C-alpha atoms as a PDB file:
ATOM      1  CA  MET A   1      62.755   0.360  54.180  1.00  0.00           C
ATOM      2  CA  PHE A   2      64.347   3.907  54.671  1.00  0.00           C
ATOM      3  CA  LYS A   3      62.986   3.849  58.624  1.00  0.00           C
ATOM      4  CA  SER A   4      65.058   0.658  59.311  1.00  0.00           C
ATOM      5  CA  MET A   5      67.966   2.062  57.790  1.00  0.00           C
ATOM      6  CA  LEU A   6      68.118   5.116  59.933  1.00  0.00           C
ATOM      7  CA  ASN A   7      67.516   2.959  62.996  1.00  0.00           C
ATOM      8  CA  ALA A   8      70.522   0.710  61.781  1.00  0.00           C
ATOM      9  CA  LEU A   9      72.806   4.196  61.329  1.00  0.00           C
ATOM     10  CA  LEU A  10      71.295   5.337  64.456  1.00  0.00           C
ATOM     11  CA  LEU A  11      72.650   2.096  66.565  1.00  0.00           C
ATOM     12  CA  VAL A  12      75.960   2.017  64.725  1.00  0.00           C
ATOM     13  CA  GLY A  13      76.156   5.966  65.470  1.00  0.00           C
ATOM     14  CA  THR A  14      75.180   5.332  69.443  1.00  0.00           C
ATOM     15  CA  ALA A  15      77.795   1.910  69.453  1.00  0.00           C
ATOM     16  CA  LEU A  16      80.450   4.248  68.197  1.00  0.00           C
ATOM     17  CA  LEU A  17      79.901   7.353  70.581  1.00  0.00           C
ATOM     18  CA  THR A  18      79.598   4.786  73.448  1.00  0.00           C
ATOM     19  CA  SER A  19      83.069   2.891  72.310  1.00  0.00           C
ATOM     20  CA  LEU A  20      84.810   6.321  72.534  1.00  0.00           C
ATOM     21  CA  SER A  21      83.662   7.166  75.388  1.00  0.00           C
ATOM     22  CA  SER A  22      84.601   4.153  77.281  1.00  0.00           C
ATOM     23  CA  PRO A  23      87.184   4.087  79.824  1.00  0.00           C
ATOM     24  CA  MET A  24      88.927   1.415  77.576  1.00  0.00           C
ATOM     25  CA  VAL A  25      90.039   3.851  74.921  1.00  0.00           C
ATOM     26  CA  MET A  26      89.913   6.402  77.162  1.00  0.00           C
ATOM     27  CA  GLY A  27      92.541   4.964  79.451  1.00  0.00           C
ATOM     28  CA  LYS A  28      95.583   5.909  78.090  1.00  0.00           C
ATOM     29  CA  GLY A  29      97.250   8.979  78.672  1.00  0.00           C
ATOM     30  CA  VAL A  30     100.174  10.842  80.720  1.00  0.00           C
ATOM     31  CA  TYR A  31      98.152  12.495  83.914  1.00  0.00           C
ATOM     32  CA  GLN A  32     100.997  13.664  85.316  1.00  0.00           C
ATOM     33  CA  SER A  33     104.609  14.205  84.936  1.00  0.00           C
ATOM     34  CA  GLY A  34     107.632  13.001  87.221  1.00  0.00           C
ATOM     35  CA  PRO A  35     108.679  16.484  88.648  1.00  0.00           C
ATOM     36  CA  ASP A  36     104.882  17.503  89.061  1.00  0.00           C
ATOM     37  CA  PHE A  37     104.393  14.008  91.357  1.00  0.00           C
ATOM     38  CA  ILE A  38     107.998  15.000  93.352  1.00  0.00           C
ATOM     39  CA  ALA A  39     106.520  18.554  93.868  1.00  0.00           C
ATOM     40  CA  GLU A  40     103.070  17.422  95.259  1.00  0.00           C
ATOM     41  CA  VAL A  41     104.596  14.605  97.391  1.00  0.00           C
ATOM     42  CA  PHE A  42     107.152  16.698  98.984  1.00  0.00           C
ATOM     43  CA  GLU A  43     105.951  19.846 100.893  1.00  0.00           C
ATOM     44  CA  GLN A  44     109.883  20.584 101.092  1.00  0.00           C
ATOM     45  CA  GLN A  45     112.562  20.118  98.880  1.00  0.00           C
ATOM     46  CA  ALA A  46     113.443  16.449  98.719  1.00  0.00           C
ATOM     47  CA  SER A  47     117.013  15.315  97.992  1.00  0.00           C
ATOM     48  CA  ALA A  48     117.377  13.544  94.625  1.00  0.00           C
ATOM     49  CA  LYS A  49     119.121  10.138  95.410  1.00  0.00           C
ATOM     50  CA  VAL A  50     120.144   7.368  93.121  1.00  0.00           C
ATOM     51  CA  LEU A  51     120.239   3.973  94.472  1.00  0.00           C
ATOM     52  CA  TRP A  52     122.978   1.847  92.724  1.00  0.00           C
ATOM     53  CA  LEU A  53     121.148  -1.623  91.092  1.00  0.00           C
ATOM     54  CA  THR A  54     124.407  -3.940  92.794  1.00  0.00           C
ATOM     55  CA  ASN A  55     123.897  -7.714  91.784  1.00  0.00           C
ATOM     56  CA  ASP A  56     122.355  -8.719  95.006  1.00  0.00           C
ATOM     57  CA  ILE A  57     119.705  -5.625  94.428  1.00  0.00           C
ATOM     58  CA  ARG A  58     119.208  -6.888  90.822  1.00  0.00           C
ATOM     59  CA  GLN A  59     118.571 -10.817  91.872  1.00  0.00           C
ATOM     60  CA  GLN A  60     115.974  -9.292  94.577  1.00  0.00           C
ATOM     61  CA  ALA A  61     114.220  -6.975  91.793  1.00  0.00           C
ATOM     62  CA  LYS A  62     114.163  -9.862  89.299  1.00  0.00           C
ATOM     63  CA  TYR A  63     112.577 -12.032  91.469  1.00  0.00           C
ATOM     64  CA  ILE A  64     109.898  -9.264  92.484  1.00  0.00           C
ATOM     65  CA  LEU A  65     109.275  -8.657  89.151  1.00  0.00           C
ATOM     66  CA  GLY A  66     109.680 -11.890  87.236  1.00  0.00           C
ATOM     67  CA  ARG A  67     111.630 -10.368  84.552  1.00  0.00           C
ATOM     68  CA  PRO A  68     115.503  -9.177  85.038  1.00  0.00           C
ATOM     69  CA  VAL A  69     115.861  -5.212  85.506  1.00  0.00           C
ATOM     70  CA  SER A  70     117.670  -2.650  83.268  1.00  0.00           C
ATOM     71  CA  GLY A  71     119.753  -0.251  84.211  1.00  0.00           C
ATOM     72  CA  LEU A  72     122.508   0.697  86.462  1.00  0.00           C
ATOM     73  CA  ARG A  73     120.487   2.780  89.202  1.00  0.00           C
ATOM     74  CA  ILE A  74     117.214   4.076  90.422  1.00  0.00           C
ATOM     75  CA  ARG A  75     116.873   8.092  90.827  1.00  0.00           C
ATOM     76  CA  TYR A  76     114.426   8.542  93.996  1.00  0.00           C
ATOM     77  CA  HIS A  77     113.533  11.725  96.065  1.00  0.00           C
ATOM     78  CA  GLN A  78     113.727  11.549  99.539  1.00  0.00           C
ATOM     79  CA  HIS A  79     113.045  13.930 102.785  1.00  0.00           C
ATOM     80  CA  GLY A  80     113.174  12.057 106.257  1.00  0.00           C
ATOM     81  CA  SER A  81     111.934   8.649 106.281  1.00  0.00           C
ATOM     82  CA  LYS A  82     109.450   9.617 102.682  1.00  0.00           C
ATOM     83  CA  THR A  83     110.737   8.179  99.669  1.00  0.00           C
ATOM     84  CA  ALA A  84     109.284   8.664  96.547  1.00  0.00           C
ATOM     85  CA  TRP A  85     110.093   6.252  93.469  1.00  0.00           C
ATOM     86  CA  ILE A  86     108.842   6.646  89.680  1.00  0.00           C
ATOM     87  CA  LEU A  87     108.967   3.068  87.954  1.00  0.00           C
ATOM     88  CA  GLU A  88     107.875   1.713  84.861  1.00  0.00           C
ATOM     89  CA  GLU A  89     106.559  -1.950  84.511  1.00  0.00           C
ATOM     90  CA  ILE A  90     104.587  -3.676  81.240  1.00  0.00           C
ATOM     91  CA  GLY A  91     100.933  -4.180  81.494  1.00  0.00           C
ATOM     92  CA  LYS A  92     100.080  -6.211  78.666  1.00  0.00           C
ATOM     93  CA  GLU A  93     102.493  -4.847  76.103  1.00  0.00           C
ATOM     94  CA  MET A  94     102.766  -0.826  76.908  1.00  0.00           C
ATOM     95  CA  PRO A  95     105.119   0.612  80.274  1.00  0.00           C
ATOM     96  CA  ILE A  96     102.565   1.932  83.055  1.00  0.00           C
ATOM     97  CA  THR A  97     104.196   4.967  84.941  1.00  0.00           C
ATOM     98  CA  ILE A  98     103.886   4.380  88.176  1.00  0.00           C
ATOM     99  CA  GLY A  99     104.667   7.168  91.351  1.00  0.00           C
ATOM    100  CA  VAL A 100     104.922   5.176  94.644  1.00  0.00           C
ATOM    101  CA  VAL A 101     105.773   6.883  98.034  1.00  0.00           C
ATOM    102  CA  VAL A 102     106.897   4.953 100.919  1.00  0.00           C
ATOM    103  CA  GLU A 103     106.819   6.032 104.438  1.00  0.00           C
ATOM    104  CA  ALA A 104     107.747   4.184 107.260  1.00  0.00           C
ATOM    105  CA  ASN A 105     108.273   0.778 105.105  1.00  0.00           C
ATOM    106  CA  LYS A 106     104.849   1.357 104.162  1.00  0.00           C
ATOM    107  CA  ILE A 107     103.243   2.649 101.646  1.00  0.00           C
ATOM    108  CA  ALA A 108     101.787   5.881 101.323  1.00  0.00           C
ATOM    109  CA  GLN A 109     100.636   7.013  97.829  1.00  0.00           C
ATOM    110  CA  VAL A 110     100.436   4.680  94.567  1.00  0.00           C
ATOM    111  CA  LYS A 111      99.845   7.295  91.522  1.00  0.00           C
ATOM    112  CA  ILE A 112      99.733   6.239  87.867  1.00  0.00           C
ATOM    113  CA  LEU A 113     101.415   8.848  86.236  1.00  0.00           C
ATOM    114  CA  ALA A 114     101.037   7.726  82.379  1.00  0.00           C
ATOM    115  CA  TYR A 115      99.200   4.748  81.016  1.00  0.00           C
ATOM    116  CA  ARG A 116      99.689   3.302  77.393  1.00  0.00           C
ATOM    117  CA  GLU A 117      97.672   0.533  77.476  1.00  0.00           C
ATOM    118  CA  SER A 118      94.037   0.198  75.619  1.00  0.00           C
ATOM    119  CA  ARG A 119      92.412  -1.490  78.007  1.00  0.00           C
ATOM    120  CA  GLY A 120      92.945  -1.900  81.835  1.00  0.00           C
ATOM    121  CA  GLY A 121      92.845   2.141  81.996  1.00  0.00           C
ATOM    122  CA  GLU A 122      91.057   1.643  85.530  1.00  0.00           C
ATOM    123  CA  VAL A 123      93.973   1.025  87.475  1.00  0.00           C
ATOM    124  CA  ARG A 124      94.767   4.899  87.660  1.00  0.00           C
ATOM    125  CA  TYR A 125      91.486   5.437  89.405  1.00  0.00           C
ATOM    126  CA  PRO A 126      91.957   6.737  92.987  1.00  0.00           C
ATOM    127  CA  ALA A 127      88.841   3.729  94.172  1.00  0.00           C
ATOM    128  CA  TYR A 128      91.205   1.261  92.866  1.00  0.00           C
ATOM    129  CA  THR A 129      94.842   2.759  94.244  1.00  0.00           C
ATOM    130  CA  ARG A 130      93.815   3.652  97.807  1.00  0.00           C
ATOM    131  CA  GLN A 131      93.811  -0.493  98.032  1.00  0.00           C
ATOM    132  CA  TYR A 132      97.680  -0.073  98.400  1.00  0.00           C
ATOM    133  CA  LEU A 133      97.773   2.292 101.274  1.00  0.00           C
ATOM    134  CA  GLY A 134      99.549   1.130 104.507  1.00  0.00           C
ATOM    135  CA  ALA A 135     100.551  -2.097 102.613  1.00  0.00           C
ATOM    136  CA  ALA A 136     104.029  -3.109 103.751  1.00  0.00           C
ATOM    137  CA  LEU A 137     106.223  -6.229 102.404  1.00  0.00           C
ATOM    138  CA  LYS A 138     106.277  -9.352 103.773  1.00  0.00           C
ATOM    139  CA  ASP A 139     109.379 -12.074 104.186  1.00  0.00           C
ATOM    140  CA  ASN A 140     108.526 -13.707 100.565  1.00  0.00           C
ATOM    141  CA  TYR A 141     108.630  -9.888  99.238  1.00  0.00           C
ATOM    142  CA  LYS A 142     104.763  -9.864  98.374  1.00  0.00           C
ATOM    143  CA  LEU A 143     102.559  -7.218  99.796  1.00  0.00           C
ATOM    144  CA  ASP A 144     101.198  -7.913 103.054  1.00  0.00           C
ATOM    145  CA  GLN A 145      97.338  -7.099 102.190  1.00  0.00           C
ATOM    146  CA  SER A 146      94.850  -8.548  99.447  1.00  0.00           C
ATOM    147  CA  ILE A 147      94.170  -6.032  96.431  1.00  0.00           C
ATOM    148  CA  ASP A 148      91.211  -6.641  94.524  1.00  0.00           C
ATOM    149  CA  GLY A 149      91.547  -6.824  90.907  1.00  0.00           C
ATOM    150  CA  ILE A 150      89.673  -5.352  87.810  1.00  0.00           C
ATOM    151  CA  THR A 151      88.299  -7.589  85.357  1.00  0.00           C
ATOM    152  CA  GLY A 152      89.358  -7.188  82.111  1.00  0.00           C
ATOM    153  CA  ALA A 153      92.616  -5.438  83.702  1.00  0.00           C
ATOM    154  CA  THR A 154      94.511  -8.409  85.397  1.00  0.00           C
ATOM    155  CA  LEU A 155      97.895  -7.638  83.860  1.00  0.00           C
ATOM    156  CA  SER A 156      97.615  -3.991  84.711  1.00  0.00           C
ATOM    157  CA  VAL A 157      96.905  -4.740  88.185  1.00  0.00           C
ATOM    158  CA  TRP A 158      99.850  -7.236  88.142  1.00  0.00           C
ATOM    159  CA  ALA A 159     101.785  -4.602  86.988  1.00  0.00           C
ATOM    160  CA  VAL A 160     100.839  -2.485  89.903  1.00  0.00           C
ATOM    161  CA  ASN A 161     101.543  -4.997  92.299  1.00  0.00           C
ATOM    162  CA  LYS A 162     104.884  -5.797  91.520  1.00  0.00           C
ATOM    163  CA  VAL A 163     105.656  -1.826  91.205  1.00  0.00           C
ATOM    164  CA  ALA A 164     104.365  -1.196  94.675  1.00  0.00           C
ATOM    165  CA  ALA A 165     106.495  -4.423  96.293  1.00  0.00           C
ATOM    166  CA  LEU A 166     109.534  -3.124  94.480  1.00  0.00           C
ATOM    167  CA  ALA A 167     109.039   0.612  95.862  1.00  0.00           C
ATOM    168  CA  LEU A 168     109.039  -0.978  99.558  1.00  0.00           C
ATOM    169  CA  TYR A 169     112.248  -3.471  98.562  1.00  0.00           C
ATOM    170  CA  TYR A 170     114.403  -0.109  97.305  1.00  0.00           C
ATOM    171  CA  HIS A 171     112.988   1.804  99.652  1.00  0.00           C
ATOM    172  CA  SER A 172     114.359  -0.694 102.679  1.00  0.00           C
ATOM    173  CA  LEU A 173     117.351  -0.599 100.988  1.00  0.00           C
ATOM    174  CA  THR A 174     117.818   3.307 101.688  1.00  0.00           C
ATOM    175  CA  GLU A 175     118.149   2.945 105.430  1.00  0.00           C
ATOM    176  CA  GLN A 176     121.303   1.258 104.692  1.00  0.00           C
ATOM    177  CA  PRO A 177     124.263   3.357 104.224  1.00  0.00           C
ATOM    178  CA  THR A 178     125.560   2.351 100.986  1.00  0.00           C
ATOM    179  CA  ALA A 179     122.339   3.035  99.383  1.00  0.00           C
ATOM    180  CA  ASP A 180     123.687   6.369  97.799  1.00  0.00           C
ATOM    181  CA  ARG A 181     127.010   7.350  96.586  1.00  0.00           C
END
C-alpha cells in the first residue's frame, strides 16, 4: 500500500514538473522591448515616422485583419527603403506584440516581442518565423507564400499572418509622398 501511494505521488510530481516546463506554459513573456528591436534592426539611427490612418487605409487594414483598427496613426521606423513595424494582434484572447521588418516590399524579419497567451507560444521560435522571409503581398492582400501552421496554435499563426500582411501593406504606403506628415 505504501509503495503504491509513493508511486502515485511520483507520477503526480512528474506530471506537474512536465506541465510547468512545457512550451504551452513557458510561451508567455516579453522577449524583447520595442526600442531594443529597433536598435537591433537598424545599424544606423533610423527615423521615427508616423503613418496617419485615413479612412481608405482603415478600410484596407480592416479587410486584412478582419476587424477594425483603432488609433489615428501607426508609428514606424525607417532607414532608406527598410521599415520596421511593431504591431499587435489578438491570438485567442490576448495581444501578441510582433516586430516586422520590410525591405524592398518583402519581409526581411518577423519577431515575436511579447506573447501573452497560455498556448501557442511556439510562434516565437525562429524555426517558425523564418517562413516569412521573402514573403510579399499579393493583389488580394494575402501573403504570396504558404506558411505552415502549428498544431494547437492556429489562432496565433493566423494573428502573425495578418500582422505580416498588414506590415507589408503599411510599408507600401510609405513609398507614397503623403505617408508622413
